[in-house]
Amino acid sequence: MFRVCALDELKEGQSRGFTVAGIKVFVIRKHDQFYAYRNWCPHREIPLEWQSDQFLDESNNLIRCSSHGALFLIENGECISGPCEGDALQKLDVQIKEDSLWVDA
């Protein structure tokens, strides 16, 4: 497990990218739950964001690949729209320890 940030550094409805053990990952905070994924589109095998820390659609309810617009559920990473429909992002385990967020990359 690797520490990525203090809990208060990631606000509700926000996403943020990190590099953990040489692997690009991102974390989303939604309804006080934390979700972490490898920052890698299953369709094009490229990072998802078009700008730093921009992983969500306009509603902040779905993860969006900036390259081709695929949409993924935040809760499980399943692609629900786009060329990789039915595939999923690689979900990573998260833990909260001592007011910090830890990710298993």
PDB file of N, CA and C in Angstrom:
ATOM      1  N   MET A   1       0.837  -1.179   0.000  1.00  0.00           N
ATOM      2  CA  MET A   1       0.000   0.000   0.000  1.00  0.00           C
ATOM      3  C   MET A   1       0.887   1.250   0.000  1.00  0.00           C
ATOM      4  N   PHE A   2       0.422   2.245  -0.720  1.00  0.00           N
ATOM      5  CA  PHE A   2       1.170   3.496  -0.836  1.00  0.00           C
ATOM      6  C   PHE A   2       0.275   4.662  -0.438  1.00  0.00           C
ATOM      7  N   ARG A   3       0.790   5.563   0.357  1.00  0.00           N
ATOM      8  CA  ARG A   3       0.046   6.749   0.749  1.00  0.00           C
ATOM      9  C   ARG A   3      -0.015   7.695  -0.450  1.00  0.00           C
ATOM     10  N   VAL A   4      -1.227   8.170  -0.775  1.00  0.00           N
ATOM     11  CA  VAL A   4      -1.354   9.098  -1.893  1.00  0.00           C
ATOM     12  C   VAL A   4      -1.684  10.521  -1.456  1.00  0.00           C
ATOM     13  N   CYS A   5      -2.459  10.678  -0.358  1.00  0.00           N
ATOM     14  CA  CYS A   5      -2.780  12.027   0.102  1.00  0.00           C
ATOM     15  C   CYS A   5      -3.489  11.981   1.448  1.00  0.00           C
ATOM     16  N   ALA A   6      -3.587  13.137   2.085  1.00  0.00           N
ATOM     17  CA  ALA A   6      -4.430  13.273   3.268  1.00  0.00           C
ATOM     18  C   ALA A   6      -5.883  13.298   2.797  1.00  0.00           C
ATOM     19  N   LEU A   7      -6.795  12.801   3.617  1.00  0.00           N
ATOM     20  CA  LEU A   7      -8.205  12.733   3.225  1.00  0.00           C
ATOM     21  C   LEU A   7      -8.770  14.099   2.850  1.00  0.00           C
ATOM     22  N   ASP A   8      -8.386  15.141   3.564  1.00  0.00           N
ATOM     23  CA  ASP A   8      -8.940  16.472   3.284  1.00  0.00           C
ATOM     24  C   ASP A   8      -8.363  17.115   2.019  1.00  0.00           C
ATOM     25  N   GLU A   9      -7.406  16.473   1.381  1.00  0.00           N
ATOM     26  CA  GLU A   9      -6.860  16.977   0.114  1.00  0.00           C
ATOM     27  C   GLU A   9      -7.722  16.582  -1.080  1.00  0.00           C
ATOM     28  N   LEU A  10      -8.660  15.682  -0.874  1.00  0.00           N
ATOM     29  CA  LEU A  10      -9.552  15.241  -1.949  1.00  0.00           C
ATOM     30  C   LEU A  10     -10.983  15.514  -1.499  1.00  0.00           C
ATOM     31  N   LYS A  11     -11.577  16.549  -2.056  1.00  0.00           N
ATOM     32  CA  LYS A  11     -12.916  16.997  -1.655  1.00  0.00           C
ATOM     33  C   LYS A  11     -14.000  16.139  -2.303  1.00  0.00           C
ATOM     34  N   GLU A  12     -15.186  16.188  -1.749  1.00  0.00           N
ATOM     35  CA  GLU A  12     -16.349  15.482  -2.278  1.00  0.00           C
ATOM     36  C   GLU A  12     -16.566  15.836  -3.748  1.00  0.00           C
ATOM     37  N   GLY A  13     -16.769  14.807  -4.595  1.00  0.00           N
ATOM     38  CA  GLY A  13     -17.020  15.016  -6.017  1.00  0.00           C
ATOM     39  C   GLY A  13     -15.782  15.344  -6.830  1.00  0.00           C
ATOM     40  N   GLN A  14     -14.632  15.171  -6.256  1.00  0.00           N
ATOM     41  CA  GLN A  14     -13.373  15.531  -6.915  1.00  0.00           C
ATOM     42  C   GLN A  14     -12.606  14.280  -7.327  1.00  0.00           C
ATOM     43  N   SER A  15     -11.797  14.419  -8.375  1.00  0.00           N
ATOM     44  CA  SER A  15     -10.894  13.356  -8.799  1.00  0.00           C
ATOM     45  C   SER A  15      -9.476  13.914  -8.811  1.00  0.00           C
ATOM     46  N   ARG A  16      -8.519  13.000  -8.656  1.00  0.00           N
ATOM     47  CA  ARG A  16      -7.124  13.449  -8.633  1.00  0.00           C
ATOM     48  C   ARG A  16      -6.217  12.305  -9.062  1.00  0.00           C
ATOM     49  N   GLY A  17      -5.228  12.617  -9.874  1.00  0.00           N
ATOM     50  CA  GLY A  17      -4.280  11.631 -10.348  1.00  0.00           C
ATOM     51  C   GLY A  17      -3.019  11.589  -9.503  1.00  0.00           C
ATOM     52  N   PHE A  18      -2.404  10.413  -9.469  1.00  0.00           N
ATOM     53  CA  PHE A  18      -1.170  10.187  -8.715  1.00  0.00           C
ATOM     54  C   PHE A  18      -0.308   9.200  -9.493  1.00  0.00           C
ATOM     55  N   THR A  19       0.970   9.174  -9.177  1.00  0.00           N
ATOM     56  CA  THR A  19       1.849   8.119  -9.657  1.00  0.00           C
ATOM     57  C   THR A  19       2.305   7.336  -8.442  1.00  0.00           C
ATOM     58  N   VAL A  20       2.002   6.044  -8.458  1.00  0.00           N
ATOM     59  CA  VAL A  20       2.288   5.171  -7.326  1.00  0.00           C
ATOM     60  C   VAL A  20       3.148   4.018  -7.826  1.00  0.00           C
ATOM     61  N   ALA A  21       4.331   3.906  -7.292  1.00  0.00           N
ATOM     62  CA  ALA A  21       5.263   2.847  -7.695  1.00  0.00           C
ATOM     63  C   ALA A  21       5.434   2.812  -9.216  1.00  0.00           C
ATOM     64  N   GLY A  22       5.486   3.994  -9.829  1.00  0.00           N
ATOM     65  CA  GLY A  22       5.678   4.103 -11.269  1.00  0.00           C
ATOM     66  C   GLY A  22       4.422   3.880 -12.099  1.00  0.00           C
ATOM     67  N   ILE A  23       3.275   3.683 -11.444  1.00  0.00           N
ATOM     68  CA  ILE A  23       2.010   3.432 -12.140  1.00  0.00           C
ATOM     69  C   ILE A  23       1.094   4.631 -11.963  1.00  0.00           C
ATOM     70  N   LYS A  24       0.494   5.103 -13.072  1.00  0.00           N
ATOM     71  CA  LYS A  24      -0.448   6.212 -12.996  1.00  0.00           C
ATOM     72  C   LYS A  24      -1.798   5.695 -12.511  1.00  0.00           C
ATOM     73  N   VAL A  25      -2.313   6.325 -11.459  1.00  0.00           N
ATOM     74  CA  VAL A  25      -3.597   5.955 -10.882  1.00  0.00           C
ATOM     75  C   VAL A  25      -4.413   7.230 -10.674  1.00  0.00           C
ATOM     76  N   PHE A  26      -5.704   7.067 -10.415  1.00  0.00           N
ATOM     77  CA  PHE A  26      -6.519   8.206 -10.006  1.00  0.00           C
ATOM     78  C   PHE A  26      -7.512   7.761  -8.952  1.00  0.00           C
ATOM     79  N   VAL A  27      -7.915   8.743  -8.148  1.00  0.00           N
ATOM     80  CA  VAL A  27      -8.836   8.487  -7.049  1.00  0.00           C
ATOM     81  C   VAL A  27      -9.989   9.465  -7.156  1.00  0.00           C
ATOM     82  N   ILE A  28     -11.191   8.983  -6.826  1.00  0.00           N
ATOM     83  CA  ILE A  28     -12.398   9.806  -6.826  1.00  0.00           C
ATOM     84  C   ILE A  28     -13.018   9.691  -5.444  1.00  0.00           C
ATOM     85  N   ARG A  29     -13.504  10.825  -4.959  1.00  0.00           N
ATOM     86  CA  ARG A  29     -14.268  10.824  -3.705  1.00  0.00           C
ATOM     87  C   ARG A  29     -15.726  11.107  -4.052  1.00  0.00           C
ATOM     88  N   LYS A  30     -16.595  10.155  -3.734  1.00  0.00           N
ATOM     89  CA  LYS A  30     -18.024  10.308  -4.024  1.00  0.00           C
ATOM     90  C   LYS A  30     -18.817   9.772  -2.841  1.00  0.00           C
ATOM     91  N   HIS A  31     -19.695  10.599  -2.301  1.00  0.00           N
ATOM     92  CA  HIS A  31     -20.510  10.241  -1.131  1.00  0.00           C
ATOM     93  C   HIS A  31     -19.641   9.704   0.001  1.00  0.00           C
ATOM     94  N   ASP A  32     -18.514  10.373   0.205  1.00  0.00           N
ATOM     95  CA  ASP A  32     -17.541  10.037   1.244  1.00  0.00           C
ATOM     96  C   ASP A  32     -16.954   8.640   1.115  1.00  0.00           C
ATOM     97  N   GLN A  33     -17.031   8.073  -0.075  1.00  0.00           N
ATOM     98  CA  GLN A  33     -16.338   6.821  -0.403  1.00  0.00           C
ATOM     99  C   GLN A  33     -15.191   7.174  -1.350  1.00  0.00           C
ATOM    100  N   PHE A  34     -14.143   6.382  -1.323  1.00  0.00           N
ATOM    101  CA  PHE A  34     -12.995   6.605  -2.188  1.00  0.00           C
ATOM    102  C   PHE A  34     -12.869   5.445  -3.160  1.00  0.00           C
ATOM    103  N   TYR A  35     -12.678   5.768  -4.431  1.00  0.00           N
ATOM    104  CA  TYR A  35     -12.547   4.779  -5.498  1.00  0.00           C
ATOM    105  C   TYR A  35     -11.240   5.056  -6.226  1.00  0.00           C
ATOM    106  N   ALA A  36     -10.441   4.022  -6.431  1.00  0.00           N
ATOM    107  CA  ALA A  36      -9.145   4.181  -7.106  1.00  0.00           C
ATOM    108  C   ALA A  36      -9.073   3.232  -8.297  1.00  0.00           C
ATOM    109  N   TYR A  37      -8.487   3.736  -9.385  1.00  0.00           N
ATOM    110  CA  TYR A  37      -8.333   2.964 -10.615  1.00  0.00           C
ATOM    111  C   TYR A  37      -6.977   3.252 -11.231  1.00  0.00           C
ATOM    112  N   ARG A  38      -6.522   2.308 -12.014  1.00  0.00           N
ATOM    113  CA  ARG A  38      -5.340   2.552 -12.843  1.00  0.00           C
ATOM    114  C   ARG A  38      -5.759   3.538 -13.939  1.00  0.00           C
ATOM    115  N   ASN A  39      -4.935   4.518 -14.199  1.00  0.00           N
ATOM    116  CA  ASN A  39      -5.235   5.543 -15.197  1.00  0.00           C
ATOM    117  C   ASN A  39      -4.853   5.017 -16.584  1.00  0.00           C
ATOM    118  N   TRP A  40      -5.739   4.155 -17.115  1.00  0.00           N
ATOM    119  CA  TRP A  40      -5.429   3.439 -18.355  1.00  0.00           C
ATOM    120  C   TRP A  40      -6.737   3.039 -19.010  1.00  0.00           C
ATOM    121  N   CYS A  41      -7.044   3.575 -20.164  1.00  0.00           N
ATOM    122  CA  CYS A  41      -8.275   3.241 -20.875  1.00  0.00           C
ATOM    123  C   CYS A  41      -8.173   1.825 -21.461  1.00  0.00           C
ATOM    124  N   PRO A  42      -9.162   0.966 -21.223  1.00  0.00           N
ATOM    125  CA  PRO A  42      -9.088  -0.396 -21.760  1.00  0.00           C
ATOM    126  C   PRO A  42      -9.216  -0.460 -23.288  1.00  0.00           C
ATOM    127  N   HIS A  43      -9.693   0.607 -23.909  1.00  0.00           N
ATOM    128  CA  HIS A  43      -9.868   0.628 -25.368  1.00  0.00           C
ATOM    129  C   HIS A  43      -8.583   1.032 -26.085  1.00  0.00           C
ATOM    130  N   ARG A  44      -8.020   2.159 -25.683  1.00  0.00           N
ATOM    131  CA  ARG A  44      -6.852   2.690 -26.390  1.00  0.00           C
ATOM    132  C   ARG A  44      -5.539   2.521 -25.638  1.00  0.00           C
ATOM    133  N   GLU A  45      -5.610   2.036 -24.402  1.00  0.00           N
ATOM    134  CA  GLU A  45      -4.427   1.862 -23.567  1.00  0.00           C
ATOM    135  C   GLU A  45      -3.614   3.150 -23.424  1.00  0.00           C
ATOM    136  N   ILE A  46      -4.351   4.223 -23.114  1.00  0.00           N
ATOM    137  CA  ILE A  46      -3.767   5.547 -22.884  1.00  0.00           C
ATOM    138  C   ILE A  46      -4.383   6.135 -21.608  1.00  0.00           C
ATOM    139  N   PRO A  47      -3.738   7.147 -21.008  1.00  0.00           N
ATOM    140  CA  PRO A  47      -4.338   7.795 -19.841  1.00  0.00           C
ATOM    141  C   PRO A  47      -5.701   8.401 -20.183  1.00  0.00           C
ATOM    142  N   LEU A  48      -6.566   8.490 -19.183  1.00  0.00           N
ATOM    143  CA  LEU A  48      -7.944   8.929 -19.394  1.00  0.00           C
ATOM    144  C   LEU A  48      -8.129  10.442 -19.455  1.00  0.00           C
ATOM    145  N   GLU A  49      -7.368  11.201 -18.667  1.00  0.00           N
ATOM    146  CA  GLU A  49      -7.657  12.628 -18.538  1.00  0.00           C
ATOM    147  C   GLU A  49      -7.054  13.452 -19.661  1.00  0.00           C
ATOM    148  N   TRP A  50      -7.715  14.590 -19.941  1.00  0.00           N
ATOM    149  CA  TRP A  50      -7.215  15.529 -20.950  1.00  0.00           C
ATOM    150  C   TRP A  50      -6.489  16.681 -20.295  1.00  0.00           C
ATOM    151  N   GLN A  51      -6.795  16.944 -19.033  1.00  0.00           N
ATOM    152  CA  GLN A  51      -6.079  17.918 -18.220  1.00  0.00           C
ATOM    153  C   GLN A  51      -5.806  17.263 -16.878  1.00  0.00           C
ATOM    154  N   SER A  52      -4.820  17.732 -16.200  1.00  0.00           N
ATOM    155  CA  SER A  52      -4.456  17.174 -14.909  1.00  0.00           C
ATOM    156  C   SER A  52      -5.666  17.090 -13.977  1.00  0.00           C
ATOM    157  N   ASP A  53      -5.887  15.914 -13.415  1.00  0.00           N
ATOM    158  CA  ASP A  53      -6.942  15.647 -12.440  1.00  0.00           C
ATOM    159  C   ASP A  53      -8.365  15.766 -12.985  1.00  0.00           C
ATOM    160  N   GLN A  54      -8.554  15.745 -14.293  1.00  0.00           N
ATOM    161  CA  GLN A  54      -9.893  15.847 -14.904  1.00  0.00           C
ATOM    162  C   GLN A  54     -10.335  14.480 -15.420  1.00  0.00           C
ATOM    163  N   PHE A  55     -10.933  13.685 -14.536  1.00  0.00           N
ATOM    164  CA  PHE A  55     -11.340  12.327 -14.885  1.00  0.00           C
ATOM    165  C   PHE A  55     -12.851  12.171 -14.994  1.00  0.00           C
ATOM    166  N   LEU A  56     -13.619  13.173 -14.579  1.00  0.00           N
ATOM    167  CA  LEU A  56     -15.070  13.046 -14.509  1.00  0.00           C
ATOM    168  C   LEU A  56     -15.774  13.813 -15.617  1.00  0.00           C
ATOM    169  N   ASP A  57     -17.004  13.384 -15.917  1.00  0.00           N
ATOM    170  CA  ASP A  57     -17.819  14.119 -16.887  1.00  0.00           C
ATOM    171  C   ASP A  57     -18.358  15.394 -16.228  1.00  0.00           C
ATOM    172  N   GLU A  58     -19.141  16.161 -16.971  1.00  0.00           N
ATOM    173  CA  GLU A  58     -19.644  17.451 -16.483  1.00  0.00           C
ATOM    174  C   GLU A  58     -20.512  17.310 -15.232  1.00  0.00           C
ATOM    175  N   SER A  59     -21.198  16.192 -15.097  1.00  0.00           N
ATOM    176  CA  SER A  59     -22.089  15.983 -13.943  1.00  0.00           C
ATOM    177  C   SER A  59     -21.344  15.483 -12.709  1.00  0.00           C
ATOM    178  N   ASN A  60     -20.077  15.110 -12.872  1.00  0.00           N
ATOM    179  CA  ASN A  60     -19.262  14.491 -11.810  1.00  0.00           C
ATOM    180  C   ASN A  60     -19.832  13.155 -11.343  1.00  0.00           C
ATOM    181  N   ASN A  61     -20.642  12.511 -12.181  1.00  0.00           N
ATOM    182  CA  ASN A  61     -21.247  11.229 -11.830  1.00  0.00           C
ATOM    183  C   ASN A  61     -20.647  10.046 -12.574  1.00  0.00           C
ATOM    184  N   LEU A  62     -19.839  10.307 -13.591  1.00  0.00           N
ATOM    185  CA  LEU A  62     -19.231   9.242 -14.394  1.00  0.00           C
ATOM    186  C   LEU A  62     -17.774   9.585 -14.684  1.00  0.00           C
ATOM    187  N   ILE A  63     -16.966   8.563 -14.858  1.00  0.00           N
ATOM    188  CA  ILE A  63     -15.592   8.734 -15.314  1.00  0.00           C
ATOM    189  C   ILE A  63     -15.633   8.798 -16.839  1.00  0.00           C
ATOM    190  N   ARG A  64     -14.880   9.703 -17.426  1.00  0.00           N
ATOM    191  CA  ARG A  64     -14.891   9.844 -18.879  1.00  0.00           C
ATOM    192  C   ARG A  64     -13.474   9.774 -19.436  1.00  0.00           C
ATOM    193  N   CYS A  65     -13.322   9.014 -20.513  1.00  0.00           N
ATOM    194  CA  CYS A  65     -12.063   8.996 -21.246  1.00  0.00           C
ATOM    195  C   CYS A  65     -12.067  10.188 -22.192  1.00  0.00           C
ATOM    196  N   SER A  66     -11.081  11.037 -22.075  1.00  0.00           N
ATOM    197  CA  SER A  66     -11.042  12.243 -22.900  1.00  0.00           C
ATOM    198  C   SER A  66     -10.718  11.947 -24.357  1.00  0.00           C
ATOM    199  N   SER A  67     -10.126  10.801 -24.635  1.00  0.00           N
ATOM    200  CA  SER A  67      -9.728  10.477 -26.004  1.00  0.00           C
ATOM    201  C   SER A  67     -10.916  10.137 -26.900  1.00  0.00           C
ATOM    202  N   HIS A  68     -11.855   9.341 -26.391  1.00  0.00           N
ATOM    203  CA  HIS A  68     -12.970   8.918 -27.246  1.00  0.00           C
ATOM    204  C   HIS A  68     -14.326   8.994 -26.558  1.00  0.00           C
ATOM    205  N   GLY A  69     -14.389   9.567 -25.352  1.00  0.00           N
ATOM    206  CA  GLY A  69     -15.658   9.828 -24.697  1.00  0.00           C
ATOM    207  C   GLY A  69     -16.311   8.647 -24.003  1.00  0.00           C
ATOM    208  N   ALA A  70     -15.631   7.540 -23.860  1.00  0.00           N
ATOM    209  CA  ALA A  70     -16.213   6.402 -23.146  1.00  0.00           C
ATOM    210  C   ALA A  70     -16.561   6.835 -21.723  1.00  0.00           C
ATOM    211  N   LEU A  71     -17.659   6.284 -21.194  1.00  0.00           N
ATOM    212  CA  LEU A  71     -18.112   6.608 -19.846  1.00  0.00           C
ATOM    213  C   LEU A  71     -18.075   5.352 -18.974  1.00  0.00           C
ATOM    214  N   PHE A  72     -17.602   5.533 -17.749  1.00  0.00           N
ATOM    215  CA  PHE A  72     -17.429   4.430 -16.809  1.00  0.00           C
ATOM    216  C   PHE A  72     -18.127   4.764 -15.494  1.00  0.00           C
ATOM    217  N   LEU A  73     -18.682   3.755 -14.843  1.00  0.00           N
ATOM    218  CA  LEU A  73     -19.286   3.937 -13.531  1.00  0.00           C
ATOM    219  C   LEU A  73     -18.190   4.154 -12.490  1.00  0.00           C
ATOM    220  N   ILE A  74     -18.409   5.110 -11.606  1.00  0.00           N
ATOM    221  CA  ILE A  74     -17.426   5.397 -10.571  1.00  0.00           C
ATOM    222  C   ILE A  74     -17.297   4.224  -9.606  1.00  0.00           C
ATOM    223  N   GLU A  75     -18.406   3.601  -9.270  1.00  0.00           N
ATOM    224  CA  GLU A  75     -18.414   2.570  -8.233  1.00  0.00           C
ATOM    225  C   GLU A  75     -17.672   1.290  -8.598  1.00  0.00           C
ATOM    226  N   ASN A  76     -17.642   0.916  -9.875  1.00  0.00           N
ATOM    227  CA  ASN A  76     -16.974  -0.343 -10.238  1.00  0.00           C
ATOM    228  C   ASN A  76     -16.112  -0.260 -11.499  1.00  0.00           C
ATOM    229  N   GLY A  77     -16.071   0.893 -12.169  1.00  0.00           N
ATOM    230  CA  GLY A  77     -15.217   1.075 -13.338  1.00  0.00           C
ATOM    231  C   GLY A  77     -15.759   0.488 -14.626  1.00  0.00           C
ATOM    232  N   GLU A  78     -16.985  -0.038 -14.611  1.00  0.00           N
ATOM    233  CA  GLU A  78     -17.566  -0.646 -15.811  1.00  0.00           C
ATOM    234  C   GLU A  78     -17.857   0.414 -16.874  1.00  0.00           C
ATOM    235  N   CYS A  79     -17.465   0.114 -18.109  1.00  0.00           N
ATOM    236  CA  CYS A  79     -17.754   1.016 -19.227  1.00  0.00           C
ATOM    237  C   CYS A  79     -19.210   0.810 -19.649  1.00  0.00           C
ATOM    238  N   ILE A  80     -19.982   1.907 -19.626  1.00  0.00           N
ATOM    239  CA  ILE A  80     -21.400   1.821 -19.968  1.00  0.00           C
ATOM    240  C   ILE A  80     -21.722   2.505 -21.291  1.00  0.00           C
ATOM    241  N   SER A  81     -20.735   3.169 -21.885  1.00  0.00           N
ATOM    242  CA  SER A  81     -20.947   3.849 -23.163  1.00  0.00           C
ATOM    243  C   SER A  81     -19.605   4.071 -23.847  1.00  0.00           C
ATOM    244  N   GLY A  82     -19.563   3.795 -25.149  1.00  0.00           N
ATOM    245  CA  GLY A  82     -18.333   4.015 -25.901  1.00  0.00           C
ATOM    246  C   GLY A  82     -17.795   2.736 -26.496  1.00  0.00           C
ATOM    247  N   PRO A  83     -16.649   2.828 -27.159  1.00  0.00           N
ATOM    248  CA  PRO A  83     -16.104   1.679 -27.889  1.00  0.00           C
ATOM    249  C   PRO A  83     -15.638   0.522 -27.004  1.00  0.00           C
ATOM    250  N   CYS A  84     -15.473   0.760 -25.716  1.00  0.00           N
ATOM    251  CA  CYS A  84     -15.047  -0.318 -24.822  1.00  0.00           C
ATOM    252  C   CYS A  84     -16.189  -0.776 -23.919  1.00  0.00           C
ATOM    253  N   GLU A  85     -17.434  -0.526 -24.341  1.00  0.00           N
ATOM    254  CA  GLU A  85     -18.601  -0.901 -23.543  1.00  0.00           C
ATOM    255  C   GLU A  85     -18.522  -2.375 -23.136  1.00  0.00           C
ATOM    256  N   GLY A  86     -18.754  -2.617 -21.848  1.00  0.00           N
ATOM    257  CA  GLY A  86     -18.658  -3.970 -21.312  1.00  0.00           C
ATOM    258  C   GLY A  86     -17.310  -4.265 -20.673  1.00  0.00           C
ATOM    259  N   ASP A  87     -16.261  -3.528 -21.052  1.00  0.00           N
ATOM    260  CA  ASP A  87     -14.959  -3.659 -20.401  1.00  0.00           C
ATOM    261  C   ASP A  87     -14.997  -2.850 -19.105  1.00  0.00           C
ATOM    262  N   ALA A  88     -13.916  -2.858 -18.379  1.00  0.00           N
ATOM    263  CA  ALA A  88     -13.861  -2.102 -17.129  1.00  0.00           C
ATOM    264  C   ALA A  88     -12.456  -1.594 -16.868  1.00  0.00           C
ATOM    265  N   LEU A  89     -12.389  -0.515 -16.097  1.00  0.00           N
ATOM    266  CA  LEU A  89     -11.119  -0.001 -15.617  1.00  0.00           C
ATOM    267  C   LEU A  89     -10.580  -0.956 -14.556  1.00  0.00           C
ATOM    268  N   GLN A  90      -9.277  -0.926 -14.360  1.00  0.00           N
ATOM    269  CA  GLN A  90      -8.658  -1.773 -13.340  1.00  0.00           C
ATOM    270  C   GLN A  90      -8.803  -1.094 -11.987  1.00  0.00           C
ATOM    271  N   LYS A  91      -9.670  -1.646 -11.142  1.00  0.00           N
ATOM    272  CA  LYS A  91      -9.931  -1.088  -9.819  1.00  0.00           C
ATOM    273  C   LYS A  91      -8.812  -1.465  -8.863  1.00  0.00           C
ATOM    274  N   LEU A  92      -8.474  -0.526  -7.985  1.00  0.00           N
ATOM    275  CA  LEU A  92      -7.417  -0.730  -7.002  1.00  0.00           C
ATOM    276  C   LEU A  92      -8.002  -0.648  -5.596  1.00  0.00           C
ATOM    277  N   ASP A  93      -7.448  -1.407  -4.687  1.00  0.00           N
ATOM    278  CA  ASP A  93      -7.887  -1.364  -3.299  1.00  0.00           C
ATOM    279  C   ASP A  93      -7.437  -0.073  -2.646  1.00  0.00           C
ATOM    280  N   VAL A  94      -8.296   0.476  -1.795  1.00  0.00           N
ATOM    281  CA  VAL A  94      -7.964   1.676  -1.023  1.00  0.00           C
ATOM    282  C   VAL A  94      -8.171   1.388   0.454  1.00  0.00           C
ATOM    283  N   GLN A  95      -7.408   2.068   1.280  1.00  0.00           N
ATOM    284  CA  GLN A  95      -7.558   2.000   2.728  1.00  0.00           C
ATOM    285  C   GLN A  95      -7.394   3.392   3.298  1.00  0.00           C
ATOM    286  N   ILE A  96      -8.091   3.614   4.395  1.00  0.00           N
ATOM    287  CA  ILE A  96      -7.939   4.862   5.127  1.00  0.00           C
ATOM    288  C   ILE A  96      -7.214   4.528   6.424  1.00  0.00           C
ATOM    289  N   LYS A  97      -6.073   5.202   6.618  1.00  0.00           N
ATOM    290  CA  LYS A  97      -5.282   5.008   7.833  1.00  0.00           C
ATOM    291  C   LYS A  97      -4.801   6.368   8.314  1.00  0.00           C
ATOM    292  N   GLU A  98      -5.117   6.679   9.564  1.00  0.00           N
ATOM    293  CA  GLU A  98      -4.610   7.901  10.194  1.00  0.00           C
ATOM    294  C   GLU A  98      -4.857   9.138   9.333  1.00  0.00           C
ATOM    295  N   ASP A  99      -6.090   9.336   8.885  1.00  0.00           N
ATOM    296  CA  ASP A  99      -6.495  10.502   8.089  1.00  0.00           C
ATOM    297  C   ASP A  99      -5.775  10.614   6.748  1.00  0.00           C
ATOM    298  N   SER A 100      -5.283   9.488   6.250  1.00  0.00           N
ATOM    299  CA  SER A 100      -4.633   9.461   4.941  1.00  0.00           C
ATOM    300  C   SER A 100      -5.263   8.386   4.071  1.00  0.00           C
ATOM    301  N   LEU A 101      -5.161   8.582   2.775  1.00  0.00           N
ATOM    302  CA  LEU A 101      -5.668   7.607   1.805  1.00  0.00           C
ATOM    303  C   LEU A 101      -4.488   6.819   1.247  1.00  0.00           C
ATOM    304  N   TRP A 102      -4.637   5.509   1.255  1.00  0.00           N
ATOM    305  CA  TRP A 102      -3.606   4.586   0.777  1.00  0.00           C
ATOM    306  C   TRP A 102      -4.171   3.778  -0.368  1.00  0.00           C
ATOM    307  N   VAL A 103      -3.355   3.526  -1.383  1.00  0.00           N
ATOM    308  CA  VAL A 103      -3.774   2.778  -2.566  1.00  0.00           C
ATOM    309  C   VAL A 103      -2.814   1.612  -2.789  1.00  0.00           C
ATOM    310  N   ASP A 104      -3.386   0.469  -3.151  1.00  0.00           N
ATOM    311  CA  ASP A 104      -2.578  -0.698  -3.453  1.00  0.00           C
ATOM    312  C   ASP A 104      -2.391  -0.776  -4.971  1.00  0.00           C
ATOM    313  N   ALA A 105      -1.207  -0.404  -5.424  1.00  0.00           N
ATOM    314  CA  ALA A 105      -0.922  -0.410  -6.863  1.00  0.00           C
ATOM    315  C   ALA A 105      -0.116  -1.633  -7.194  1.00  0.00           C
TER     316      ALA A 105
END
